[in-house]
Amino acid sequence: MYIAEQFSIFMVNKPGVLAQVLGDFARAKINIIAITMMDSVEHGVMRVIFAAPKKAKEVLTKLNMPYNKTEVLCVNLTNKAGALATVVERLAKNHINISYAYCTAGAKGGRTTGVLKVADVKKAMKVLQQNQKKYSKSQPVVRRSQSSRK
């Protein structure tokens, strides 16, 4: 679990704009950790987390592309049904509002990353870390022997 800087990039909603922006990030060798896209009649909003936010800011400045930045909570989840539900239920029980959320596949170990825009990022982290400790103590880690792994 970590706090990341998310860019909300505002783009004209017409053919080729998304391709141009993503192509410029690719040419600058900036990896995208998570991305979601929404549209309206007039413009699209791409929310994205980059591996190199400073380089991404330089690309956006060169493109004269309007954007804003915000902190979001990134939670490493198992890639199975109910993983995100468990996290958001814990936050709800602690009265932490979630403005929006999205997930991406491809995190380490076949896991997924949940991206949460919450009202209080630090409080949310604290709540989830406390719950993590509580649940890890009550549920022992079971490892298979070397011979059964094959």
N, C-alpha and C. Protein backbone atom coordinates (compact mmCIF):
# COMPACT_ATOMS: atom_id res chain seq x y z
N MET A 1 0.86 -1.17 0.00
CA MET A 1 0.00 0.00 0.00
C MET A 1 0.91 1.23 0.00
N TYR A 2 0.53 2.19 -0.83
CA TYR A 2 1.31 3.42 -0.90
C TYR A 2 0.45 4.56 -1.43
N ILE A 3 0.95 5.77 -1.20
CA ILE A 3 0.28 6.97 -1.73
C ILE A 3 0.97 7.33 -3.04
N ALA A 4 0.18 7.58 -4.07
CA ALA A 4 0.73 7.93 -5.38
C ALA A 4 0.16 9.27 -5.84
N GLU A 5 0.89 9.88 -6.76
CA GLU A 5 0.44 11.13 -7.37
C GLU A 5 -0.31 10.76 -8.65
N GLN A 6 -1.60 11.09 -8.69
CA GLN A 6 -2.42 10.80 -9.87
C GLN A 6 -2.60 12.07 -10.68
N PHE A 7 -2.46 11.95 -11.99
CA PHE A 7 -2.70 13.07 -12.90
C PHE A 7 -4.09 12.90 -13.49
N SER A 8 -4.87 13.97 -13.50
CA SER A 8 -6.13 14.02 -14.24
C SER A 8 -5.87 14.94 -15.43
N ILE A 9 -5.85 14.35 -16.62
CA ILE A 9 -5.48 15.07 -17.84
C ILE A 9 -6.75 15.33 -18.64
N PHE A 10 -6.96 16.59 -19.01
CA PHE A 10 -8.18 17.00 -19.72
C PHE A 10 -7.86 17.13 -21.20
N MET A 11 -8.59 16.35 -22.01
CA MET A 11 -8.31 16.30 -23.44
C MET A 11 -9.56 16.59 -24.25
N VAL A 12 -9.36 17.19 -25.41
CA VAL A 12 -10.46 17.41 -26.35
C VAL A 12 -10.94 16.04 -26.81
N ASN A 13 -12.25 15.85 -26.88
CA ASN A 13 -12.82 14.57 -27.25
C ASN A 13 -12.95 14.47 -28.77
N LYS A 14 -11.82 14.11 -29.41
CA LYS A 14 -11.83 13.91 -30.87
C LYS A 14 -10.79 12.85 -31.22
N PRO A 15 -10.95 12.21 -32.38
CA PRO A 15 -10.06 11.12 -32.78
C PRO A 15 -8.58 11.54 -32.80
N GLY A 16 -7.73 10.67 -32.28
CA GLY A 16 -6.30 10.88 -32.35
C GLY A 16 -5.66 11.54 -31.14
N VAL A 17 -6.43 12.22 -30.30
CA VAL A 17 -5.85 12.94 -29.16
C VAL A 17 -5.27 11.95 -28.15
N LEU A 18 -6.02 10.94 -27.78
CA LEU A 18 -5.54 9.94 -26.83
C LEU A 18 -4.31 9.23 -27.39
N ALA A 19 -4.35 8.86 -28.66
CA ALA A 19 -3.22 8.20 -29.30
C ALA A 19 -1.97 9.07 -29.26
N GLN A 20 -2.12 10.36 -29.51
CA GLN A 20 -0.98 11.27 -29.48
C GLN A 20 -0.37 11.36 -28.08
N VAL A 21 -1.22 11.53 -27.08
CA VAL A 21 -0.74 11.67 -25.71
C VAL A 21 -0.04 10.39 -25.25
N LEU A 22 -0.69 9.24 -25.45
CA LEU A 22 -0.08 7.98 -25.03
C LEU A 22 1.19 7.69 -25.82
N GLY A 23 1.21 8.06 -27.08
CA GLY A 23 2.42 7.89 -27.89
C GLY A 23 3.58 8.73 -27.38
N ASP A 24 3.29 9.96 -26.96
CA ASP A 24 4.35 10.80 -26.40
C ASP A 24 4.89 10.25 -25.09
N PHE A 25 4.03 9.68 -24.25
CA PHE A 25 4.51 9.04 -23.03
C PHE A 25 5.38 7.83 -23.36
N ALA A 26 4.96 7.06 -24.36
CA ALA A 26 5.73 5.87 -24.77
C ALA A 26 7.10 6.27 -25.29
N ARG A 27 7.16 7.30 -26.14
CA ARG A 27 8.44 7.75 -26.69
C ARG A 27 9.38 8.28 -25.60
N ALA A 28 8.79 8.83 -24.53
CA ALA A 28 9.59 9.31 -23.41
C ALA A 28 9.92 8.17 -22.43
N LYS A 29 9.46 6.96 -22.77
CA LYS A 29 9.69 5.76 -21.95
C LYS A 29 9.16 5.91 -20.53
N ILE A 30 7.94 6.46 -20.43
CA ILE A 30 7.28 6.63 -19.15
C ILE A 30 6.24 5.53 -19.00
N ASN A 31 6.45 4.66 -18.03
CA ASN A 31 5.53 3.54 -17.81
C ASN A 31 4.28 4.01 -17.07
N ILE A 32 3.15 3.48 -17.49
CA ILE A 32 1.87 3.78 -16.84
C ILE A 32 1.56 2.66 -15.86
N ILE A 33 1.37 3.02 -14.61
CA ILE A 33 1.05 2.06 -13.56
C ILE A 33 -0.43 1.73 -13.57
N ALA A 34 -1.27 2.75 -13.69
CA ALA A 34 -2.74 2.57 -13.70
C ALA A 34 -3.35 3.68 -14.54
N ILE A 35 -4.46 3.36 -15.20
CA ILE A 35 -5.12 4.35 -16.05
C ILE A 35 -6.62 4.06 -16.10
N THR A 36 -7.38 5.13 -16.15
CA THR A 36 -8.82 5.03 -16.41
C THR A 36 -9.20 6.24 -17.24
N MET A 37 -10.23 6.09 -18.04
CA MET A 37 -10.65 7.15 -18.95
C MET A 37 -12.15 7.34 -18.85
N MET A 38 -12.57 8.60 -18.83
CA MET A 38 -14.00 8.90 -18.88
C MET A 38 -14.20 10.00 -19.91
N ASP A 39 -15.40 10.11 -20.41
CA ASP A 39 -15.64 11.13 -21.41
C ASP A 39 -16.94 11.85 -21.16
N SER A 40 -17.03 13.01 -21.78
CA SER A 40 -18.27 13.77 -21.86
C SER A 40 -18.36 14.23 -23.31
N VAL A 41 -19.35 14.99 -23.62
CA VAL A 41 -19.51 15.46 -25.00
C VAL A 41 -18.33 16.33 -25.42
N GLU A 42 -17.86 17.18 -24.51
CA GLU A 42 -16.84 18.16 -24.87
C GLU A 42 -15.41 17.70 -24.65
N HIS A 43 -15.15 16.91 -23.60
CA HIS A 43 -13.77 16.54 -23.31
C HIS A 43 -13.71 15.17 -22.64
N GLY A 44 -12.50 14.61 -22.65
CA GLY A 44 -12.23 13.37 -21.95
C GLY A 44 -11.31 13.67 -20.77
N VAL A 45 -11.41 12.86 -19.75
CA VAL A 45 -10.51 12.99 -18.60
C VAL A 45 -9.82 11.65 -18.42
N MET A 46 -8.50 11.68 -18.52
CA MET A 46 -7.70 10.49 -18.30
C MET A 46 -7.07 10.62 -16.93
N ARG A 47 -7.36 9.67 -16.05
CA ARG A 47 -6.72 9.63 -14.74
C ARG A 47 -5.63 8.58 -14.84
N VAL A 48 -4.42 8.96 -14.47
CA VAL A 48 -3.29 8.06 -14.70
C VAL A 48 -2.24 8.22 -13.61
N ILE A 49 -1.63 7.10 -13.27
CA ILE A 49 -0.49 7.08 -12.34
C ILE A 49 0.71 6.62 -13.14
N PHE A 50 1.77 7.42 -13.09
CA PHE A 50 2.98 7.14 -13.85
C PHE A 50 4.09 6.62 -12.94
N ALA A 51 4.98 5.82 -13.51
CA ALA A 51 6.16 5.38 -12.78
C ALA A 51 7.13 6.55 -12.59
N ALA A 52 7.10 7.52 -13.50
CA ALA A 52 8.00 8.68 -13.43
C ALA A 52 7.17 9.96 -13.56
N PRO A 53 6.54 10.42 -12.46
CA PRO A 53 5.65 11.59 -12.55
C PRO A 53 6.33 12.87 -13.00
N LYS A 54 7.58 13.09 -12.64
CA LYS A 54 8.28 14.32 -13.07
C LYS A 54 8.46 14.35 -14.58
N LYS A 55 8.83 13.21 -15.17
CA LYS A 55 8.97 13.14 -16.62
C LYS A 55 7.62 13.32 -17.30
N ALA A 56 6.57 12.76 -16.71
CA ALA A 56 5.23 12.89 -17.27
C ALA A 56 4.80 14.35 -17.28
N LYS A 57 5.11 15.06 -16.22
CA LYS A 57 4.77 16.49 -16.13
C LYS A 57 5.46 17.26 -17.26
N GLU A 58 6.71 16.93 -17.55
CA GLU A 58 7.44 17.58 -18.64
C GLU A 58 6.76 17.33 -19.99
N VAL A 59 6.33 16.10 -20.23
CA VAL A 59 5.64 15.76 -21.48
C VAL A 59 4.34 16.55 -21.60
N LEU A 60 3.57 16.59 -20.52
CA LEU A 60 2.30 17.32 -20.54
C LEU A 60 2.50 18.81 -20.77
N THR A 61 3.56 19.36 -20.20
CA THR A 61 3.86 20.78 -20.41
C THR A 61 4.20 21.05 -21.87
N LYS A 62 5.01 20.17 -22.47
CA LYS A 62 5.35 20.31 -23.90
C LYS A 62 4.12 20.22 -24.79
N LEU A 63 3.16 19.36 -24.38
CA LEU A 63 1.93 19.19 -25.16
C LEU A 63 0.91 20.31 -24.89
N ASN A 64 1.19 21.15 -23.91
CA ASN A 64 0.27 22.19 -23.48
C ASN A 64 -1.10 21.59 -23.11
N MET A 65 -1.02 20.45 -22.40
CA MET A 65 -2.21 19.70 -22.02
C MET A 65 -2.59 20.06 -20.58
N PRO A 66 -3.82 20.55 -20.35
CA PRO A 66 -4.22 20.90 -18.98
C PRO A 66 -4.38 19.64 -18.11
N TYR A 67 -3.94 19.75 -16.87
CA TYR A 67 -4.04 18.63 -15.94
C TYR A 67 -4.03 19.16 -14.52
N ASN A 68 -4.44 18.31 -13.59
CA ASN A 68 -4.21 18.60 -12.19
C ASN A 68 -3.74 17.31 -11.53
N LYS A 69 -3.16 17.46 -10.33
CA LYS A 69 -2.61 16.31 -9.61
C LYS A 69 -3.31 16.17 -8.26
N THR A 70 -3.42 14.94 -7.81
CA THR A 70 -3.99 14.67 -6.51
C THR A 70 -3.36 13.40 -5.95
N GLU A 71 -3.40 13.26 -4.64
CA GLU A 71 -2.90 12.04 -4.01
C GLU A 71 -4.00 10.99 -3.98
N VAL A 72 -3.62 9.77 -4.31
CA VAL A 72 -4.54 8.64 -4.23
C VAL A 72 -3.86 7.51 -3.47
N LEU A 73 -4.66 6.62 -2.96
CA LEU A 73 -4.16 5.46 -2.23
C LEU A 73 -4.13 4.27 -3.16
N CYS A 74 -2.98 3.63 -3.27
CA CYS A 74 -2.84 2.42 -4.09
C CYS A 74 -2.72 1.22 -3.16
N VAL A 75 -3.60 0.27 -3.32
CA VAL A 75 -3.65 -0.90 -2.45
C VAL A 75 -3.37 -2.14 -3.28
N ASN A 76 -2.41 -2.94 -2.83
CA ASN A 76 -2.08 -4.19 -3.51
C ASN A 76 -3.10 -5.24 -3.08
N LEU A 77 -3.81 -5.82 -4.04
CA LEU A 77 -4.90 -6.75 -3.76
C LEU A 77 -4.64 -8.10 -4.41
N THR A 78 -5.20 -9.15 -3.83
CA THR A 78 -5.20 -10.42 -4.52
C THR A 78 -6.17 -10.30 -5.68
N ASN A 79 -5.89 -10.99 -6.76
CA ASN A 79 -6.73 -10.91 -7.95
C ASN A 79 -7.84 -11.97 -7.84
N LYS A 80 -8.78 -11.71 -6.90
CA LYS A 80 -9.89 -12.64 -6.71
C LYS A 80 -11.13 -11.86 -6.30
N ALA A 81 -12.27 -12.49 -6.44
CA ALA A 81 -13.55 -11.86 -6.11
C ALA A 81 -13.57 -11.42 -4.65
N GLY A 82 -14.01 -10.19 -4.41
CA GLY A 82 -14.19 -9.69 -3.06
C GLY A 82 -13.01 -8.97 -2.46
N ALA A 83 -11.85 -8.97 -3.12
CA ALA A 83 -10.65 -8.33 -2.55
C ALA A 83 -10.86 -6.82 -2.37
N LEU A 84 -11.38 -6.16 -3.39
CA LEU A 84 -11.63 -4.72 -3.29
C LEU A 84 -12.78 -4.44 -2.32
N ALA A 85 -13.78 -5.29 -2.32
CA ALA A 85 -14.93 -5.11 -1.41
C ALA A 85 -14.47 -5.11 0.04
N THR A 86 -13.55 -5.98 0.39
CA THR A 86 -13.04 -6.05 1.76
C THR A 86 -12.38 -4.74 2.17
N VAL A 87 -11.58 -4.17 1.28
CA VAL A 87 -10.88 -2.91 1.57
C VAL A 87 -11.88 -1.77 1.75
N VAL A 88 -12.82 -1.63 0.82
CA VAL A 88 -13.75 -0.50 0.90
C VAL A 88 -14.72 -0.65 2.08
N GLU A 89 -15.02 -1.88 2.47
CA GLU A 89 -15.85 -2.09 3.66
C GLU A 89 -15.13 -1.60 4.91
N ARG A 90 -13.84 -1.88 5.01
CA ARG A 90 -13.05 -1.41 6.15
C ARG A 90 -13.03 0.11 6.21
N LEU A 91 -12.88 0.74 5.07
CA LEU A 91 -12.88 2.20 5.03
C LEU A 91 -14.25 2.76 5.40
N ALA A 92 -15.30 2.13 4.90
CA ALA A 92 -16.67 2.58 5.20
C ALA A 92 -16.94 2.49 6.70
N LYS A 93 -16.50 1.41 7.34
CA LYS A 93 -16.71 1.24 8.78
C LYS A 93 -16.02 2.34 9.59
N ASN A 94 -14.97 2.93 9.00
CA ASN A 94 -14.23 4.00 9.67
C ASN A 94 -14.61 5.38 9.13
N HIS A 95 -15.73 5.44 8.42
CA HIS A 95 -16.31 6.70 7.92
C HIS A 95 -15.36 7.46 6.99
N ILE A 96 -14.66 6.73 6.14
CA ILE A 96 -13.77 7.35 5.15
C ILE A 96 -14.48 7.30 3.80
N ASN A 97 -14.76 8.47 3.24
CA ASN A 97 -15.46 8.56 1.97
C ASN A 97 -14.53 8.24 0.81
N ILE A 98 -15.04 7.50 -0.17
CA ILE A 98 -14.31 7.18 -1.40
C ILE A 98 -15.00 7.91 -2.53
N SER A 99 -14.28 8.84 -3.17
CA SER A 99 -14.85 9.60 -4.29
C SER A 99 -14.95 8.74 -5.54
N TYR A 100 -13.91 7.96 -5.81
CA TYR A 100 -13.93 7.04 -6.94
C TYR A 100 -12.82 6.02 -6.75
N ALA A 101 -12.90 4.95 -7.52
CA ALA A 101 -11.90 3.88 -7.44
C ALA A 101 -11.80 3.20 -8.80
N TYR A 102 -10.64 2.64 -9.07
CA TYR A 102 -10.45 1.80 -10.25
C TYR A 102 -9.33 0.82 -9.97
N CYS A 103 -9.27 -0.23 -10.73
CA CYS A 103 -8.26 -1.27 -10.52
C CYS A 103 -7.48 -1.52 -11.80
N THR A 104 -6.30 -2.05 -11.62
CA THR A 104 -5.48 -2.43 -12.75
C THR A 104 -4.90 -3.81 -12.48
N ALA A 105 -4.75 -4.60 -13.51
CA ALA A 105 -4.11 -5.91 -13.37
C ALA A 105 -2.61 -5.73 -13.58
N GLY A 106 -1.86 -6.71 -13.23
CA GLY A 106 -0.44 -6.69 -13.54
C GLY A 106 0.48 -6.24 -12.42
N ALA A 107 0.00 -6.20 -11.19
CA ALA A 107 0.90 -5.90 -10.09
C ALA A 107 1.76 -7.13 -9.81
N LYS A 108 2.71 -7.00 -8.94
CA LYS A 108 3.65 -8.09 -8.64
C LYS A 108 2.91 -9.34 -8.18
N GLY A 109 3.41 -10.49 -8.63
CA GLY A 109 2.87 -11.77 -8.18
C GLY A 109 1.48 -12.07 -8.68
N GLY A 110 1.07 -11.53 -9.84
CA GLY A 110 -0.26 -11.80 -10.38
C GLY A 110 -1.36 -11.12 -9.59
N ARG A 111 -1.01 -10.11 -8.85
CA ARG A 111 -1.98 -9.40 -8.03
C ARG A 111 -2.55 -8.23 -8.82
N THR A 112 -3.38 -7.44 -8.20
CA THR A 112 -3.96 -6.26 -8.84
C THR A 112 -3.79 -5.06 -7.92
N THR A 113 -3.80 -3.88 -8.48
CA THR A 113 -3.69 -2.66 -7.69
C THR A 113 -5.02 -1.92 -7.71
N GLY A 114 -5.55 -1.65 -6.54
CA GLY A 114 -6.75 -0.84 -6.42
C GLY A 114 -6.34 0.60 -6.16
N VAL A 115 -6.86 1.53 -6.95
CA VAL A 115 -6.56 2.95 -6.80
C VAL A 115 -7.81 3.60 -6.21
N LEU A 116 -7.65 4.26 -5.06
CA LEU A 116 -8.78 4.85 -4.35
C LEU A 116 -8.55 6.32 -4.11
N LYS A 117 -9.49 7.15 -4.53
CA LYS A 117 -9.47 8.57 -4.20
C LYS A 117 -10.33 8.71 -2.97
N VAL A 118 -9.68 8.93 -1.83
CA VAL A 118 -10.38 9.00 -0.56
C VAL A 118 -10.27 10.41 0.02
N ALA A 119 -11.17 10.71 0.93
CA ALA A 119 -11.20 12.05 1.55
C ALA A 119 -9.94 12.31 2.38
N ASP A 120 -9.44 11.29 3.07
CA ASP A 120 -8.27 11.45 3.94
C ASP A 120 -7.33 10.27 3.70
N VAL A 121 -6.31 10.48 2.86
CA VAL A 121 -5.41 9.41 2.44
C VAL A 121 -4.64 8.83 3.63
N LYS A 122 -4.14 9.68 4.50
CA LYS A 122 -3.33 9.20 5.63
C LYS A 122 -4.18 8.39 6.62
N LYS A 123 -5.39 8.84 6.88
CA LYS A 123 -6.28 8.11 7.77
C LYS A 123 -6.63 6.75 7.16
N ALA A 124 -6.90 6.74 5.86
CA ALA A 124 -7.23 5.49 5.18
C ALA A 124 -6.07 4.50 5.27
N MET A 125 -4.86 4.99 5.07
CA MET A 125 -3.68 4.12 5.19
C MET A 125 -3.56 3.54 6.59
N LYS A 126 -3.76 4.39 7.58
CA LYS A 126 -3.66 3.96 8.97
C LYS A 126 -4.69 2.88 9.27
N VAL A 127 -5.93 3.09 8.84
CA VAL A 127 -7.00 2.12 9.07
C VAL A 127 -6.65 0.78 8.41
N LEU A 128 -6.21 0.82 7.18
CA LEU A 128 -5.92 -0.42 6.46
C LEU A 128 -4.69 -1.13 7.03
N GLN A 129 -3.69 -0.37 7.47
CA GLN A 129 -2.51 -0.98 8.08
C GLN A 129 -2.87 -1.64 9.41
N GLN A 130 -3.73 -0.99 10.21
CA GLN A 130 -4.16 -1.58 11.48
C GLN A 130 -4.92 -2.87 11.23
N ASN A 131 -5.81 -2.85 10.27
CA ASN A 131 -6.58 -4.04 9.94
C ASN A 131 -5.68 -5.14 9.39
N GLN A 132 -4.66 -4.76 8.63
CA GLN A 132 -3.73 -5.72 8.06
C GLN A 132 -3.01 -6.46 9.18
N LYS A 133 -2.54 -5.73 10.18
CA LYS A 133 -1.86 -6.35 11.31
C LYS A 133 -2.80 -7.28 12.07
N LYS A 134 -4.02 -6.80 12.30
CA LYS A 134 -5.00 -7.58 13.04
C LYS A 134 -5.32 -8.88 12.32
N TYR A 135 -5.53 -8.80 11.01
CA TYR A 135 -5.89 -9.99 10.26
C TYR A 135 -4.70 -10.92 10.04
N SER A 136 -3.50 -10.37 9.92
CA SER A 136 -2.34 -11.22 9.70
C SER A 136 -2.02 -12.02 10.96
N LYS A 137 -2.33 -11.49 12.15
CA LYS A 137 -2.08 -12.23 13.39
C LYS A 137 -3.07 -13.37 13.54
N SER A 138 -4.30 -13.16 13.13
CA SER A 138 -5.32 -14.18 13.33
C SER A 138 -5.32 -15.24 12.22
N GLN A 139 -4.68 -14.93 11.10
CA GLN A 139 -4.65 -15.88 10.00
C GLN A 139 -3.20 -16.20 9.67
N PRO A 140 -2.70 -17.36 10.15
CA PRO A 140 -1.30 -17.70 9.91
C PRO A 140 -1.04 -17.93 8.43
N VAL A 141 0.19 -17.67 8.04
CA VAL A 141 0.60 -17.90 6.67
C VAL A 141 0.95 -19.37 6.53
N VAL A 142 0.35 -20.03 5.58
CA VAL A 142 0.62 -21.45 5.35
C VAL A 142 1.44 -21.56 4.08
N ARG A 143 2.60 -22.18 4.21
CA ARG A 143 3.46 -22.36 3.05
C ARG A 143 3.55 -23.84 2.71
N ARG A 144 3.55 -24.11 1.41
CA ARG A 144 3.67 -25.49 0.98
C ARG A 144 5.14 -25.90 1.00
N SER A 145 5.39 -27.15 1.21
CA SER A 145 6.77 -27.64 1.19
C SER A 145 7.31 -27.58 -0.23
N GLN A 146 8.63 -27.61 -0.37
CA GLN A 146 9.28 -27.54 -1.68
C GLN A 146 8.79 -28.67 -2.59
N SER A 147 8.64 -29.88 -2.04
CA SER A 147 8.25 -31.02 -2.86
C SER A 147 6.81 -30.90 -3.39
N SER A 148 5.93 -30.26 -2.65
CA SER A 148 4.53 -30.14 -3.12
C SER A 148 4.33 -29.00 -4.09
N ARG A 149 5.33 -28.13 -4.24
CA ARG A 149 5.22 -26.99 -5.17
C ARG A 149 5.40 -27.40 -6.61
N LYS A 150 5.99 -28.53 -6.87
CA LYS A 150 6.30 -28.95 -8.24
C LYS A 150 5.15 -29.53 -8.97
